[in-house]
């Protein structure tokens, strides 16, 4: 049985039903995927071009950008690499997930 993921709009419309841990996980995913999308658009690269330079299929990139799947870490790293980006383990900042969820913004908490 496969797990069906929801679109960001569906998730944000039901934030009150989520636990704090769920909201923190969503905020982190939004931030990571948002950075990928931002980097791709800033460079003027299409999903097909990103496929060519990252080795990650365009259809996968589209599903990633639309929250249609939960990617493996190695795949995220492959997508980030052409932009000169990577992931890093850092201390959790003081971003208030509660405040973010109350305003229903789609931008991740500031750095």
N, C-alpha and C. Protein backbone atom coordinates (compact mmCIF):
# COMPACT_ATOMS: atom_id res chain seq x y z
N UNK A 1 0.84 -1.17 0.00
CA UNK A 1 0.00 0.00 0.00
C UNK A 1 0.89 1.24 0.00
N UNK A 2 0.62 2.16 -0.90
CA UNK A 2 1.42 3.37 -0.95
C UNK A 2 0.76 4.47 -0.14
N UNK A 3 1.59 5.36 0.37
CA UNK A 3 1.10 6.48 1.14
C UNK A 3 0.91 7.65 0.20
N UNK A 4 -0.29 8.21 0.18
CA UNK A 4 -0.56 9.35 -0.69
C UNK A 4 -0.23 10.63 0.06
N UNK A 5 0.62 11.45 -0.52
CA UNK A 5 0.95 12.72 0.10
C UNK A 5 -0.05 13.77 -0.36
N UNK A 6 -0.14 14.83 0.39
CA UNK A 6 -1.06 15.91 0.07
C UNK A 6 -0.28 17.09 -0.51
N UNK A 7 -0.97 17.92 -1.25
CA UNK A 7 -0.37 19.15 -1.76
C UNK A 7 -0.18 20.11 -0.59
N UNK A 8 0.73 21.07 -0.77
CA UNK A 8 1.00 22.04 0.30
C UNK A 8 -0.28 22.74 0.73
N UNK A 9 -1.16 23.11 -0.23
CA UNK A 9 -2.40 23.80 0.11
C UNK A 9 -3.26 22.97 1.07
N UNK A 10 -3.34 21.67 0.81
CA UNK A 10 -4.12 20.79 1.68
C UNK A 10 -3.52 20.74 3.08
N UNK A 11 -2.23 20.66 3.15
CA UNK A 11 -1.55 20.58 4.44
C UNK A 11 -1.76 21.88 5.22
N UNK A 12 -1.56 23.02 4.56
CA UNK A 12 -1.70 24.30 5.26
C UNK A 12 -3.13 24.58 5.71
N UNK A 13 -4.11 24.06 4.99
CA UNK A 13 -5.50 24.31 5.38
C UNK A 13 -5.88 23.50 6.63
N UNK A 14 -5.08 22.52 7.00
CA UNK A 14 -5.38 21.67 8.15
C UNK A 14 -4.30 21.73 9.23
N UNK A 15 -3.59 22.83 9.33
CA UNK A 15 -2.50 22.91 10.29
C UNK A 15 -2.95 22.74 11.74
N UNK A 16 -4.15 23.18 12.06
CA UNK A 16 -4.60 23.08 13.44
C UNK A 16 -4.73 21.63 13.90
N UNK A 17 -4.90 20.70 12.96
CA UNK A 17 -5.06 19.30 13.31
C UNK A 17 -3.71 18.59 13.47
N UNK A 18 -2.62 19.27 13.18
CA UNK A 18 -1.30 18.66 13.22
C UNK A 18 -0.62 18.87 14.57
N UNK A 19 0.25 17.94 14.92
CA UNK A 19 1.04 18.08 16.13
C UNK A 19 2.17 19.07 15.87
N UNK A 20 2.80 19.53 16.91
CA UNK A 20 3.93 20.43 16.78
C UNK A 20 5.04 19.78 15.96
N UNK A 21 5.29 18.50 16.18
CA UNK A 21 6.32 17.78 15.43
C UNK A 21 5.97 17.74 13.95
N UNK A 22 4.70 17.51 13.62
CA UNK A 22 4.27 17.52 12.22
C UNK A 22 4.51 18.88 11.59
N UNK A 23 4.14 19.93 12.31
CA UNK A 23 4.32 21.29 11.78
C UNK A 23 5.79 21.63 11.58
N UNK A 24 6.64 21.19 12.51
CA UNK A 24 8.07 21.44 12.37
C UNK A 24 8.62 20.69 11.15
N UNK A 25 8.19 19.46 10.95
CA UNK A 25 8.63 18.67 9.80
C UNK A 25 8.18 19.33 8.50
N UNK A 26 6.95 19.78 8.46
CA UNK A 26 6.42 20.44 7.26
C UNK A 26 7.21 21.72 6.98
N UNK A 27 7.47 22.50 8.03
CA UNK A 27 8.20 23.76 7.85
C UNK A 27 9.60 23.50 7.29
N UNK A 28 10.24 22.45 7.75
CA UNK A 28 11.58 22.12 7.25
C UNK A 28 11.52 21.69 5.79
N UNK A 29 10.54 20.85 5.45
CA UNK A 29 10.39 20.42 4.06
C UNK A 29 10.10 21.61 3.15
N UNK A 30 9.23 22.50 3.59
CA UNK A 30 8.90 23.68 2.80
C UNK A 30 10.14 24.52 2.57
N UNK A 31 10.95 24.67 3.60
CA UNK A 31 12.17 25.47 3.49
C UNK A 31 13.15 24.84 2.49
N UNK A 32 13.36 23.54 2.59
CA UNK A 32 14.30 22.86 1.69
C UNK A 32 13.81 22.90 0.25
N UNK A 33 12.56 22.52 0.05
CA UNK A 33 12.02 22.51 -1.30
C UNK A 33 11.93 23.92 -1.86
N UNK A 34 11.60 24.88 -1.01
CA UNK A 34 11.57 26.28 -1.43
C UNK A 34 12.93 26.76 -1.90
N UNK A 35 13.99 26.34 -1.22
CA UNK A 35 15.34 26.72 -1.63
C UNK A 35 15.71 26.10 -2.98
N UNK A 36 15.29 24.86 -3.19
CA UNK A 36 15.55 24.20 -4.48
C UNK A 36 14.83 24.96 -5.59
N UNK A 37 13.57 25.24 -5.38
CA UNK A 37 12.78 25.95 -6.39
C UNK A 37 13.33 27.35 -6.64
N UNK A 38 13.70 28.05 -5.58
CA UNK A 38 14.27 29.39 -5.70
C UNK A 38 15.57 29.36 -6.51
N UNK A 39 16.44 28.42 -6.19
CA UNK A 39 17.72 28.31 -6.91
C UNK A 39 17.49 27.99 -8.38
N UNK A 40 16.55 27.10 -8.65
CA UNK A 40 16.28 26.72 -10.04
C UNK A 40 15.75 27.92 -10.82
N UNK A 41 14.84 28.66 -10.24
CA UNK A 41 14.25 29.82 -10.93
C UNK A 41 15.27 30.96 -11.08
N UNK A 42 16.09 31.19 -10.05
CA UNK A 42 17.11 32.23 -10.13
C UNK A 42 18.11 31.96 -11.25
N UNK A 43 18.43 30.68 -11.45
CA UNK A 43 19.38 30.30 -12.51
C UNK A 43 18.69 30.20 -13.87
N UNK A 44 17.36 30.29 -13.89
CA UNK A 44 16.62 30.17 -15.14
C UNK A 44 16.69 28.77 -15.73
N UNK A 45 16.74 27.77 -14.87
CA UNK A 45 16.87 26.38 -15.29
C UNK A 45 15.50 25.71 -15.25
N UNK A 46 15.13 25.03 -16.31
CA UNK A 46 13.88 24.27 -16.33
C UNK A 46 14.08 22.96 -15.57
N UNK A 47 12.99 22.30 -15.28
CA UNK A 47 13.09 21.00 -14.63
C UNK A 47 13.83 20.01 -15.53
N UNK A 48 13.59 20.10 -16.84
CA UNK A 48 14.29 19.21 -17.77
C UNK A 48 15.79 19.47 -17.77
N UNK A 49 16.18 20.73 -17.71
CA UNK A 49 17.60 21.06 -17.64
C UNK A 49 18.22 20.59 -16.33
N UNK A 50 17.46 20.71 -15.25
CA UNK A 50 17.95 20.23 -13.95
C UNK A 50 18.12 18.72 -13.99
N UNK A 51 17.25 18.03 -14.67
CA UNK A 51 17.41 16.59 -14.84
C UNK A 51 18.74 16.28 -15.51
N UNK A 52 19.04 17.01 -16.57
CA UNK A 52 20.27 16.76 -17.33
C UNK A 52 21.53 16.97 -16.50
N UNK A 53 21.50 17.97 -15.62
CA UNK A 53 22.72 18.28 -14.86
C UNK A 53 22.78 17.59 -13.50
N UNK A 54 21.64 17.08 -13.02
CA UNK A 54 21.64 16.43 -11.70
C UNK A 54 21.50 14.92 -11.78
N UNK A 55 20.95 14.43 -12.88
CA UNK A 55 20.70 13.01 -13.01
C UNK A 55 19.40 12.57 -12.35
N UNK A 56 18.64 13.52 -11.83
CA UNK A 56 17.35 13.22 -11.21
C UNK A 56 16.26 13.50 -12.24
N UNK A 57 15.39 12.55 -12.46
CA UNK A 57 14.38 12.66 -13.51
C UNK A 57 13.48 13.87 -13.31
N UNK A 58 13.10 14.49 -14.43
CA UNK A 58 12.24 15.68 -14.42
C UNK A 58 10.93 15.39 -13.71
N UNK A 59 10.36 14.24 -13.95
CA UNK A 59 9.08 13.91 -13.31
C UNK A 59 9.22 13.86 -11.79
N UNK A 60 10.37 13.39 -11.32
CA UNK A 60 10.65 13.35 -9.88
C UNK A 60 10.78 14.78 -9.33
N UNK A 61 11.48 15.64 -10.09
CA UNK A 61 11.65 17.03 -9.67
C UNK A 61 10.29 17.72 -9.57
N UNK A 62 9.42 17.47 -10.54
CA UNK A 62 8.07 18.05 -10.51
C UNK A 62 7.30 17.56 -9.29
N UNK A 63 7.36 16.27 -9.00
CA UNK A 63 6.66 15.74 -7.83
C UNK A 63 7.24 16.30 -6.54
N UNK A 64 8.55 16.46 -6.50
CA UNK A 64 9.21 17.05 -5.33
C UNK A 64 8.71 18.48 -5.10
N UNK A 65 8.71 19.29 -6.17
CA UNK A 65 8.31 20.69 -6.05
C UNK A 65 6.83 20.84 -5.70
N UNK A 66 6.03 19.83 -6.00
CA UNK A 66 4.59 19.88 -5.72
C UNK A 66 4.18 19.02 -4.53
N UNK A 67 5.15 18.60 -3.73
CA UNK A 67 4.92 17.77 -2.55
C UNK A 67 4.13 16.51 -2.87
N UNK A 68 4.51 15.87 -3.94
CA UNK A 68 3.85 14.62 -4.31
C UNK A 68 4.65 13.41 -3.87
N UNK A 69 5.73 13.65 -3.15
CA UNK A 69 6.54 12.53 -2.66
C UNK A 69 7.49 13.01 -1.58
N UNK A 70 8.02 12.07 -0.85
CA UNK A 70 8.95 12.36 0.23
C UNK A 70 10.31 11.81 -0.21
N UNK A 71 11.20 12.68 -0.67
CA UNK A 71 12.45 12.21 -1.29
C UNK A 71 13.46 11.67 -0.28
N UNK A 72 14.34 10.83 -0.80
CA UNK A 72 15.46 10.36 0.01
C UNK A 72 16.50 11.47 0.09
N UNK A 73 17.26 11.44 1.13
CA UNK A 73 18.29 12.45 1.36
C UNK A 73 19.29 12.52 0.20
N UNK A 74 19.71 11.37 -0.30
CA UNK A 74 20.69 11.37 -1.40
C UNK A 74 20.13 12.04 -2.64
N UNK A 75 18.84 11.91 -2.88
CA UNK A 75 18.23 12.55 -4.05
C UNK A 75 18.19 14.06 -3.87
N UNK A 76 17.84 14.52 -2.68
CA UNK A 76 17.84 15.96 -2.41
C UNK A 76 19.25 16.52 -2.63
N UNK A 77 20.25 15.81 -2.16
CA UNK A 77 21.63 16.27 -2.35
C UNK A 77 22.00 16.35 -3.83
N UNK A 78 21.55 15.38 -4.63
CA UNK A 78 21.81 15.41 -6.07
C UNK A 78 21.17 16.62 -6.74
N UNK A 79 19.98 16.98 -6.30
CA UNK A 79 19.28 18.13 -6.87
C UNK A 79 19.96 19.43 -6.44
N UNK A 80 20.44 19.50 -5.23
CA UNK A 80 21.08 20.71 -4.72
C UNK A 80 22.46 20.97 -5.33
N UNK A 81 23.20 19.92 -5.61
CA UNK A 81 24.60 20.04 -6.03
C UNK A 81 24.81 20.96 -7.24
N UNK A 82 24.02 20.87 -8.31
CA UNK A 82 24.26 21.76 -9.45
C UNK A 82 24.15 23.25 -9.12
N UNK A 83 23.49 23.58 -8.02
CA UNK A 83 23.35 24.96 -7.60
C UNK A 83 24.45 25.38 -6.62
N UNK A 84 25.36 24.46 -6.34
CA UNK A 84 26.41 24.75 -5.36
C UNK A 84 25.88 24.75 -3.94
N UNK A 85 24.78 24.02 -3.71
CA UNK A 85 24.16 23.96 -2.39
C UNK A 85 24.26 22.55 -1.82
N UNK A 86 24.15 22.46 -0.51
CA UNK A 86 24.10 21.17 0.17
C UNK A 86 23.29 21.34 1.44
N UNK A 87 23.08 20.28 2.15
CA UNK A 87 22.40 20.34 3.44
C UNK A 87 23.44 20.33 4.54
N UNK A 88 23.05 20.85 5.69
CA UNK A 88 23.95 20.91 6.82
C UNK A 88 23.17 20.65 8.10
N UNK A 89 23.80 19.99 9.05
CA UNK A 89 23.18 19.77 10.35
C UNK A 89 23.57 20.96 11.23
N UNK A 90 22.55 21.67 11.70
CA UNK A 90 22.78 22.87 12.51
C UNK A 90 21.87 22.83 13.73
N UNK A 91 22.20 23.59 14.75
CA UNK A 91 21.30 23.66 15.91
C UNK A 91 19.94 24.20 15.49
N UNK A 92 18.90 23.72 16.14
CA UNK A 92 17.56 24.22 15.86
C UNK A 92 17.49 25.66 16.31
N UNK A 93 16.97 26.52 15.42
CA UNK A 93 16.88 27.95 15.78
C UNK A 93 15.62 28.21 16.58
N UNK A 94 15.40 29.44 16.90
CA UNK A 94 14.26 29.79 17.75
C UNK A 94 13.02 30.12 16.94
N UNK A 95 12.98 29.70 15.70
CA UNK A 95 11.80 29.94 14.87
C UNK A 95 10.56 29.39 15.56
N UNK A 96 9.56 30.19 15.66
CA UNK A 96 8.33 29.77 16.32
C UNK A 96 7.38 29.18 15.30
N UNK A 97 7.32 27.86 15.25
CA UNK A 97 6.46 27.16 14.31
C UNK A 97 5.00 27.57 14.55
N UNK A 98 4.63 27.77 15.80
CA UNK A 98 3.26 28.17 16.11
C UNK A 98 2.92 29.49 15.43
N UNK A 99 3.82 30.47 15.51
CA UNK A 99 3.57 31.76 14.88
C UNK A 99 3.45 31.60 13.38
N UNK A 100 4.30 30.79 12.81
CA UNK A 100 4.28 30.56 11.37
C UNK A 100 2.96 29.93 10.95
N UNK A 101 2.51 28.93 11.67
CA UNK A 101 1.28 28.25 11.29
C UNK A 101 0.07 29.15 11.46
N UNK A 102 0.10 30.04 12.43
CA UNK A 102 -1.03 30.94 12.64
C UNK A 102 -1.20 31.93 11.51
N UNK A 103 -0.11 32.34 10.89
CA UNK A 103 -0.23 33.31 9.80
C UNK A 103 -0.39 32.63 8.46
N UNK A 104 -0.24 31.31 8.39
CA UNK A 104 -0.48 30.52 7.20
C UNK A 104 0.41 30.93 6.01
N UNK A 105 1.59 31.44 6.32
CA UNK A 105 2.51 31.79 5.26
C UNK A 105 3.17 30.56 4.72
N UNK A 106 3.56 30.60 3.45
CA UNK A 106 4.22 29.46 2.84
C UNK A 106 5.73 29.59 2.89
N UNK A 107 6.23 30.72 3.30
CA UNK A 107 7.68 30.88 3.38
C UNK A 107 8.17 30.26 4.68
N UNK A 108 9.30 29.62 4.60
CA UNK A 108 9.88 29.04 5.80
C UNK A 108 10.36 30.16 6.71
N UNK A 109 10.61 29.84 7.94
CA UNK A 109 11.06 30.82 8.91
C UNK A 109 12.39 31.42 8.47
N UNK A 110 12.58 32.70 8.74
CA UNK A 110 13.86 33.32 8.36
C UNK A 110 15.01 32.70 9.12
N UNK A 111 16.13 32.63 8.41
CA UNK A 111 17.34 32.02 8.84
C UNK A 111 17.74 32.14 10.21
